Amino acid sequence: MSVFKINTRRVYLILSILLLISIATYFNFLSPQARAARHLAAVHEAVTEMHPAVLDKNAKSFHAWHAIAYGKAKVLLPKVHSVADENALLNFYFAGYEDAHLNGFVSQSPYTWMDFESARWTGWLTRATVTGFDVVMSLGGEKYPPVGAHLISCNKQPIDSFLKTNIAPFIDKRWHLLAARNKSAALLSLDVPNVHLLIRPTVSSCDFEAETGGIKSFQTQWSSVSAENEKEFAKIYSPGYEYPSVHEFAPKSYWVNVSDFQLNSAEAYRHHQELLSDLRALTDVDLIVFDTRMNNGGNSMLGDEILESFFGDERLYYLQQRLAGKAPDSEAVFRASWKFYWAYVFKYKQQRMRQGVDSTGLEFLEKILSRLKHALEHNQEIFLQSELGLENERGRSEFLKENNLHWRPKGKVVLLTSRNCFSSCLNFADTLKQVPELIHLGEPTNGDTIYTHIAETVSSYFREDYLFSVPIKAFTNRWRDDNQPHIPEVIYNGNIYTDPLEGWVREQVRQKQ
């Protein structure tokens, strides 16, 4: 009997020790705080090693934040208690750079089952407009503001100031951009794993002005989010996806879905190739609309292919020359690093697998990898894109010397943008807006900086992957300023992602004739 008791005590002792070891292991190595700390360190190291601004003494705003970003983010680590918090902490780190090319997210984690936070919302959602913030979804009744109401203030503080102070620093500080204001508006009343704040301000009540007039205050009441709610959220805040395509929406009027500059599947690549073929076949055109609402960037070469397929090689070059004339001294400069190299080796393999050996831009990636490896082996910190030897004049004709008055259009050209347009979508707009008498409609675009051409890398820690992007190229003396949006001539005030727009576009074109 005594032997049995002794063994039992030993078992209890061993189990207690194992439990203590497990707890210590979790809090020191596996907890959300430990994981976030590891990812934060990896991200900061990568930015330091890869970002071109590190070598640019004139990038004062970058250096001002980079010098304190890691320390400021580490102070917030005790507030991390979930995978959603990990994302939120890294979002805070990125937001300070005011560069949307710097971003990331937890792409794979076996620890989500340990998180006990559930998705919730206040029963109403607001969406940023050019003039303010309007309610676009509501549970209705006496407890919630009606759809269409204008949000005036929260906690008796003007809403613009409240969002800019309490939410923007943790998600997107570029307050002059509609896209950034929209993110803060969403986070005010929505808390789900991929839309989450690390430090959420306490909001007791908000004041709204109804469309019919009159101001009313509503107490903030949080409730759980249903599957049906989430479907509605997606319709309000993000565009759906459609493959690249073109269709005739009126006699001699064509709508081009410029939706995808990433082509992350063989099917998407096939649709892109079909689009190019269809555009080349268009000859009798009165109106063509280039719709970029679903496009948030990717490979700029795909945009050039679309323009070349419709306008022709010489006219595309003419547009590019007009654009280059705005900043004749601009150069594209890569910063060399081994992280950049291995990221692009992976990218090259992925693109070849998805799109085949004839893939758009595969030669460009090969040239980059070859020149990058040469730079690394010879301890060169930078190299120029012009050194890749991809420029090809292909015997341009006298057409290139003609001025705007001699531009021979293929119908009236419309550019349609949303707040979603970013990176290579902005480059596409840059070029297309050189078309004489082009009509630009829709919403103001997003903005980017001179630091572009991202490399994707990953921080892996105990089977959790944090995927993030870092720019590796700088456009010196670029004509478009950092985070400068393209502003349409006519702004659409409804939900540009879900409303039917063909009739509206035709009416705007008619009014300008």
Foldseek 3Di string as FASTA:
>chain_A
DVVVVVVVVVVVVVVVVVVVVVVCCCVCANFQLNVLLLQLVVLLVCQCFFFPCVVPPPLVQQVVLNVCLSVVLNVLSVLGGAQLLSQLSVLLSVQSNLFVLWHWHFPDDPCRVVDDDAKKFQQWAWFFDLVAIFTCGGPDDDQIDDGGWGWAFFPPHGPLVCLQPFPCSRHHNPSNARLSVRLSRGLLTTDHSVNHHSDHDDTQWTWIAHPVGDIDIHGGDMDGADPVNVVVVCLQNAFDDDAWAKDAPDVLEIETEPADQAQQALVSLVSLVVRLVVLLPRQQHAYYEDEHANPQDHHLVSLLSNCCSNQNDQVLVLLVVVQCVLFVPKFKKFFADVLQLVLLVVVLVSQCVGHNPPGPCNLVSVLCNVVNVVCVVVVHGMDTSVVSVPDDPPPHDCVSVDDLVPDDDNHAYEYEYEQSYHDSSVVSVSSVVSNPPHAYEEAWYWFRAQFDDWGWDWRDGPRIIMITIHGGMGIPRRSAHGGHTDGGPYYDGDRPNPDDCPVVVVVVVVVVD
